[in-house]
Amino acid sequence: MEFHPSKIPISKIFDVKDEKQATEAAHEMVMIGFDDDKGYKVLMSKDDDRKAKRIGYTVTTTVTYALRKTNQERDVRYWTYHEDEKHYAIVFVSSKVLEKLDFSW
């Protein structure tokens, strides 16, 4: 079976419109934690590629920063891909969850 990030089970989906929401979503992910057997998905509109790139950068760096500040394990993987015609998506998941789901390579 070929791996694709859309096959990872998701516990919460965040539909992010701007950088402020991106920061809030990242902090919420860290507060909930990555111990669960599921990941998180962040959706970004394809209407403005530049804004989507800024949102993606904000989410990924804020998750890493917040994990470090709260002394949590930072072994989190993420993938960016085309979700549908109107959205990009980033999926965040712990490496341990990938091993449990047999998605490791």
N, C-alpha and C. Protein backbone atom coordinates (compact mmCIF):
# COMPACT_ATOMS: atom_id res chain seq x y z
N MET A 1 0.85 -1.19 0.00
CA MET A 1 0.00 0.00 0.00
C MET A 1 0.88 1.24 0.00
N GLU A 2 0.64 2.14 -0.91
CA GLU A 2 1.41 3.36 -1.00
C GLU A 2 0.94 4.36 0.03
N PHE A 3 1.88 5.04 0.66
CA PHE A 3 1.56 6.01 1.70
C PHE A 3 1.11 7.34 1.09
N HIS A 4 0.08 7.93 1.68
CA HIS A 4 -0.32 9.30 1.38
C HIS A 4 -0.83 9.90 2.68
N PRO A 5 -0.46 11.16 2.98
CA PRO A 5 -0.86 11.76 4.25
C PRO A 5 -2.37 11.82 4.49
N SER A 6 -3.16 11.78 3.44
CA SER A 6 -4.62 11.82 3.61
C SER A 6 -5.15 10.53 4.25
N LYS A 7 -4.33 9.48 4.31
CA LYS A 7 -4.75 8.21 4.90
C LYS A 7 -4.54 8.17 6.42
N ILE A 8 -3.89 9.16 6.98
CA ILE A 8 -3.65 9.21 8.43
C ILE A 8 -4.94 9.59 9.14
N PRO A 9 -5.32 8.87 10.19
CA PRO A 9 -6.53 9.24 10.94
C PRO A 9 -6.35 10.62 11.60
N ILE A 10 -7.39 11.43 11.54
CA ILE A 10 -7.33 12.82 12.01
C ILE A 10 -8.25 12.99 13.21
N SER A 11 -7.72 13.64 14.26
CA SER A 11 -8.55 13.90 15.44
C SER A 11 -9.23 15.27 15.36
N LYS A 12 -8.59 16.23 14.67
CA LYS A 12 -9.20 17.55 14.55
C LYS A 12 -8.71 18.22 13.27
N ILE A 13 -9.62 18.92 12.61
CA ILE A 13 -9.30 19.66 11.39
C ILE A 13 -9.44 21.15 11.68
N PHE A 14 -8.42 21.91 11.32
CA PHE A 14 -8.43 23.36 11.49
C PHE A 14 -8.53 24.02 10.11
N ASP A 15 -9.54 24.84 9.90
CA ASP A 15 -9.69 25.60 8.66
C ASP A 15 -9.15 26.99 8.93
N VAL A 16 -7.93 27.26 8.48
CA VAL A 16 -7.20 28.47 8.85
C VAL A 16 -7.29 29.51 7.73
N LYS A 17 -7.65 30.73 8.10
CA LYS A 17 -7.81 31.81 7.12
C LYS A 17 -6.67 32.82 7.13
N ASP A 18 -5.95 32.95 8.27
CA ASP A 18 -4.86 33.93 8.36
C ASP A 18 -3.81 33.47 9.38
N GLU A 19 -2.75 34.27 9.51
CA GLU A 19 -1.64 33.89 10.39
C GLU A 19 -2.04 33.84 11.86
N LYS A 20 -2.95 34.68 12.27
CA LYS A 20 -3.41 34.67 13.67
C LYS A 20 -4.09 33.34 13.99
N GLN A 21 -4.98 32.89 13.11
CA GLN A 21 -5.63 31.60 13.30
C GLN A 21 -4.62 30.46 13.22
N ALA A 22 -3.58 30.63 12.41
CA ALA A 22 -2.55 29.60 12.29
C ALA A 22 -1.82 29.43 13.62
N THR A 23 -1.49 30.54 14.27
CA THR A 23 -0.82 30.49 15.56
C THR A 23 -1.73 29.84 16.60
N GLU A 24 -3.00 30.23 16.61
CA GLU A 24 -3.95 29.65 17.56
C GLU A 24 -4.13 28.15 17.34
N ALA A 25 -4.20 27.73 16.09
CA ALA A 25 -4.34 26.30 15.77
C ALA A 25 -3.12 25.52 16.23
N ALA A 26 -1.94 26.07 16.01
CA ALA A 26 -0.70 25.40 16.42
C ALA A 26 -0.66 25.23 17.93
N HIS A 27 -1.00 26.28 18.66
CA HIS A 27 -0.99 26.20 20.12
C HIS A 27 -2.04 25.20 20.62
N GLU A 28 -3.19 25.15 19.96
CA GLU A 28 -4.23 24.19 20.36
C GLU A 28 -3.75 22.76 20.14
N MET A 29 -3.08 22.50 19.01
CA MET A 29 -2.54 21.17 18.74
C MET A 29 -1.57 20.75 19.85
N VAL A 30 -0.71 21.66 20.24
CA VAL A 30 0.28 21.35 21.28
C VAL A 30 -0.40 21.14 22.63
N MET A 31 -1.42 21.94 22.93
CA MET A 31 -2.14 21.78 24.20
C MET A 31 -2.86 20.42 24.24
N ILE A 32 -3.48 20.02 23.14
CA ILE A 32 -4.17 18.72 23.09
C ILE A 32 -3.13 17.61 23.13
N GLY A 33 -2.04 17.79 22.42
CA GLY A 33 -0.94 16.83 22.44
C GLY A 33 -0.95 15.89 21.24
N PHE A 34 0.20 15.26 21.03
CA PHE A 34 0.38 14.33 19.91
C PHE A 34 0.46 12.89 20.39
N ASP A 35 -0.01 12.60 21.63
CA ASP A 35 0.06 11.26 22.20
C ASP A 35 -1.04 10.35 21.67
N ASP A 36 -2.10 10.93 21.20
CA ASP A 36 -3.26 10.24 20.65
C ASP A 36 -2.82 9.41 19.42
N ASP A 37 -3.61 8.45 19.02
CA ASP A 37 -3.29 7.65 17.83
C ASP A 37 -3.78 8.30 16.55
N LYS A 38 -3.92 9.61 16.57
CA LYS A 38 -4.39 10.34 15.40
C LYS A 38 -3.55 11.60 15.22
N GLY A 39 -3.72 12.24 14.08
CA GLY A 39 -2.99 13.46 13.79
C GLY A 39 -3.94 14.64 13.67
N TYR A 40 -3.41 15.73 13.16
CA TYR A 40 -4.18 16.96 12.96
C TYR A 40 -4.04 17.40 11.51
N LYS A 41 -5.09 18.03 11.00
CA LYS A 41 -5.05 18.55 9.63
C LYS A 41 -5.35 20.03 9.66
N VAL A 42 -4.54 20.80 8.92
CA VAL A 42 -4.75 22.23 8.76
C VAL A 42 -5.08 22.48 7.30
N LEU A 43 -6.23 23.09 7.05
CA LEU A 43 -6.65 23.43 5.69
C LEU A 43 -6.37 24.90 5.42
N MET A 44 -5.84 25.19 4.21
CA MET A 44 -5.54 26.57 3.79
C MET A 44 -6.11 26.77 2.40
N SER A 45 -6.67 27.92 2.16
CA SER A 45 -7.28 28.22 0.87
C SER A 45 -6.22 28.38 -0.22
N LYS A 46 -6.57 27.92 -1.42
CA LYS A 46 -5.69 28.09 -2.57
C LYS A 46 -5.90 29.44 -3.27
N ASP A 47 -6.83 30.24 -2.77
CA ASP A 47 -7.13 31.53 -3.40
C ASP A 47 -5.91 32.44 -3.46
N ASP A 48 -5.09 32.42 -2.40
CA ASP A 48 -3.91 33.28 -2.33
C ASP A 48 -2.72 32.42 -1.92
N ASP A 49 -1.89 32.05 -2.91
CA ASP A 49 -0.75 31.18 -2.64
C ASP A 49 0.23 31.77 -1.63
N ARG A 50 0.45 33.06 -1.72
CA ARG A 50 1.39 33.71 -0.81
C ARG A 50 0.89 33.61 0.64
N LYS A 51 -0.40 33.85 0.83
CA LYS A 51 -0.98 33.74 2.17
C LYS A 51 -0.92 32.30 2.67
N ALA A 52 -1.18 31.35 1.79
CA ALA A 52 -1.13 29.93 2.18
C ALA A 52 0.28 29.55 2.61
N LYS A 53 1.30 30.05 1.93
CA LYS A 53 2.68 29.77 2.32
C LYS A 53 2.99 30.36 3.69
N ARG A 54 2.53 31.58 3.93
CA ARG A 54 2.76 32.21 5.24
C ARG A 54 2.04 31.45 6.34
N ILE A 55 0.83 31.01 6.08
CA ILE A 55 0.07 30.22 7.07
C ILE A 55 0.80 28.91 7.35
N GLY A 56 1.23 28.23 6.31
CA GLY A 56 1.95 26.96 6.48
C GLY A 56 3.23 27.14 7.28
N TYR A 57 3.98 28.17 6.96
CA TYR A 57 5.21 28.45 7.70
C TYR A 57 4.91 28.76 9.16
N THR A 58 3.89 29.56 9.40
CA THR A 58 3.51 29.94 10.77
C THR A 58 3.10 28.72 11.58
N VAL A 59 2.28 27.86 11.01
CA VAL A 59 1.82 26.68 11.73
C VAL A 59 2.99 25.76 12.06
N THR A 60 3.83 25.45 11.08
CA THR A 60 4.91 24.50 11.31
C THR A 60 5.92 25.02 12.32
N THR A 61 6.31 26.27 12.21
CA THR A 61 7.30 26.80 13.15
C THR A 61 6.71 26.99 14.54
N THR A 62 5.45 27.36 14.64
CA THR A 62 4.82 27.55 15.95
C THR A 62 4.63 26.22 16.66
N VAL A 63 4.28 25.16 15.94
CA VAL A 63 4.16 23.84 16.57
C VAL A 63 5.50 23.43 17.16
N THR A 64 6.57 23.56 16.38
CA THR A 64 7.90 23.19 16.88
C THR A 64 8.30 24.03 18.08
N TYR A 65 8.09 25.34 17.99
CA TYR A 65 8.44 26.25 19.07
C TYR A 65 7.65 25.92 20.35
N ALA A 66 6.34 25.73 20.21
CA ALA A 66 5.49 25.46 21.38
C ALA A 66 5.83 24.11 22.01
N LEU A 67 6.15 23.11 21.20
CA LEU A 67 6.55 21.82 21.75
C LEU A 67 7.84 21.96 22.57
N ARG A 68 8.78 22.75 22.05
CA ARG A 68 10.04 22.97 22.78
C ARG A 68 9.79 23.72 24.08
N LYS A 69 8.95 24.75 24.04
CA LYS A 69 8.68 25.56 25.23
C LYS A 69 7.95 24.77 26.32
N THR A 70 7.15 23.78 25.94
CA THR A 70 6.40 22.99 26.92
C THR A 70 7.12 21.68 27.26
N ASN A 71 8.37 21.57 26.81
CA ASN A 71 9.19 20.37 27.07
C ASN A 71 8.53 19.07 26.62
N GLN A 72 7.84 19.13 25.49
CA GLN A 72 7.25 17.93 24.91
C GLN A 72 8.17 17.39 23.82
N GLU A 73 8.00 16.12 23.51
CA GLU A 73 8.81 15.51 22.46
C GLU A 73 8.49 16.18 21.12
N ARG A 74 9.55 16.51 20.38
CA ARG A 74 9.37 17.22 19.11
C ARG A 74 9.47 16.31 17.90
N ASP A 75 9.22 15.04 18.09
CA ASP A 75 9.31 14.07 17.00
C ASP A 75 7.97 14.03 16.26
N VAL A 76 7.65 15.15 15.63
CA VAL A 76 6.38 15.30 14.90
C VAL A 76 6.71 15.45 13.42
N ARG A 77 6.00 14.71 12.60
CA ARG A 77 6.18 14.81 11.15
C ARG A 77 5.01 15.55 10.53
N TYR A 78 5.27 16.19 9.40
CA TYR A 78 4.18 16.87 8.70
C TYR A 78 4.39 16.80 7.20
N TRP A 79 3.28 16.83 6.49
CA TRP A 79 3.27 16.82 5.03
C TRP A 79 2.31 17.89 4.54
N THR A 80 2.69 18.53 3.45
CA THR A 80 1.82 19.50 2.79
C THR A 80 1.41 18.91 1.45
N TYR A 81 0.14 19.01 1.13
CA TYR A 81 -0.34 18.45 -0.13
C TYR A 81 -1.61 19.18 -0.58
N HIS A 82 -2.07 18.87 -1.79
CA HIS A 82 -3.30 19.43 -2.34
C HIS A 82 -4.47 18.59 -1.83
N GLU A 83 -5.30 19.16 -0.96
CA GLU A 83 -6.44 18.44 -0.40
C GLU A 83 -7.55 18.28 -1.43
N ASP A 84 -7.92 19.38 -2.07
CA ASP A 84 -8.94 19.37 -3.11
C ASP A 84 -8.71 20.59 -4.00
N GLU A 85 -9.69 20.92 -4.83
CA GLU A 85 -9.51 22.04 -5.76
C GLU A 85 -9.37 23.39 -5.07
N LYS A 86 -9.89 23.51 -3.85
CA LYS A 86 -9.90 24.80 -3.17
C LYS A 86 -8.96 24.90 -1.97
N HIS A 87 -8.33 23.77 -1.57
CA HIS A 87 -7.54 23.79 -0.34
C HIS A 87 -6.21 23.05 -0.46
N TYR A 88 -5.20 23.61 0.21
CA TYR A 88 -3.99 22.88 0.55
C TYR A 88 -4.22 22.31 1.94
N ALA A 89 -3.48 21.27 2.30
CA ALA A 89 -3.59 20.72 3.64
C ALA A 89 -2.20 20.40 4.18
N ILE A 90 -2.05 20.55 5.49
CA ILE A 90 -0.86 20.09 6.19
C ILE A 90 -1.36 19.10 7.23
N VAL A 91 -0.75 17.92 7.26
CA VAL A 91 -1.09 16.91 8.26
C VAL A 91 0.09 16.78 9.22
N PHE A 92 -0.21 16.89 10.51
CA PHE A 92 0.79 16.73 11.57
C PHE A 92 0.49 15.44 12.31
N VAL A 93 1.53 14.65 12.58
CA VAL A 93 1.36 13.40 13.32
C VAL A 93 2.68 13.03 14.00
N SER A 94 2.58 12.39 15.13
CA SER A 94 3.76 11.91 15.85
C SER A 94 4.38 10.74 15.10
N SER A 95 5.68 10.63 15.15
CA SER A 95 6.37 9.50 14.51
C SER A 95 5.95 8.17 15.14
N LYS A 96 5.66 8.19 16.43
CA LYS A 96 5.22 6.97 17.11
C LYS A 96 3.87 6.49 16.55
N VAL A 97 3.01 7.42 16.23
CA VAL A 97 1.71 7.06 15.64
C VAL A 97 1.93 6.45 14.26
N LEU A 98 2.85 7.00 13.50
CA LEU A 98 3.15 6.42 12.18
C LEU A 98 3.63 4.98 12.30
N GLU A 99 4.46 4.70 13.30
CA GLU A 99 4.93 3.33 13.52
C GLU A 99 3.77 2.41 13.90
N LYS A 100 2.88 2.89 14.79
CA LYS A 100 1.73 2.07 15.21
C LYS A 100 0.83 1.75 14.02
N LEU A 101 0.67 2.72 13.14
CA LEU A 101 -0.20 2.54 11.97
C LEU A 101 0.53 1.83 10.82
N ASP A 102 1.79 1.51 11.04
CA ASP A 102 2.62 0.83 10.05
C ASP A 102 2.81 1.68 8.79
N PHE A 103 2.91 3.00 8.99
CA PHE A 103 3.18 3.91 7.88
C PHE A 103 4.65 4.32 7.84
N SER A 104 5.47 3.80 8.74
CA SER A 104 6.88 4.21 8.77
C SER A 104 7.62 3.61 7.59
N TRP A 105 8.68 4.30 7.19
CA TRP A 105 9.45 3.79 6.06
C TRP A 105 10.92 3.87 6.36
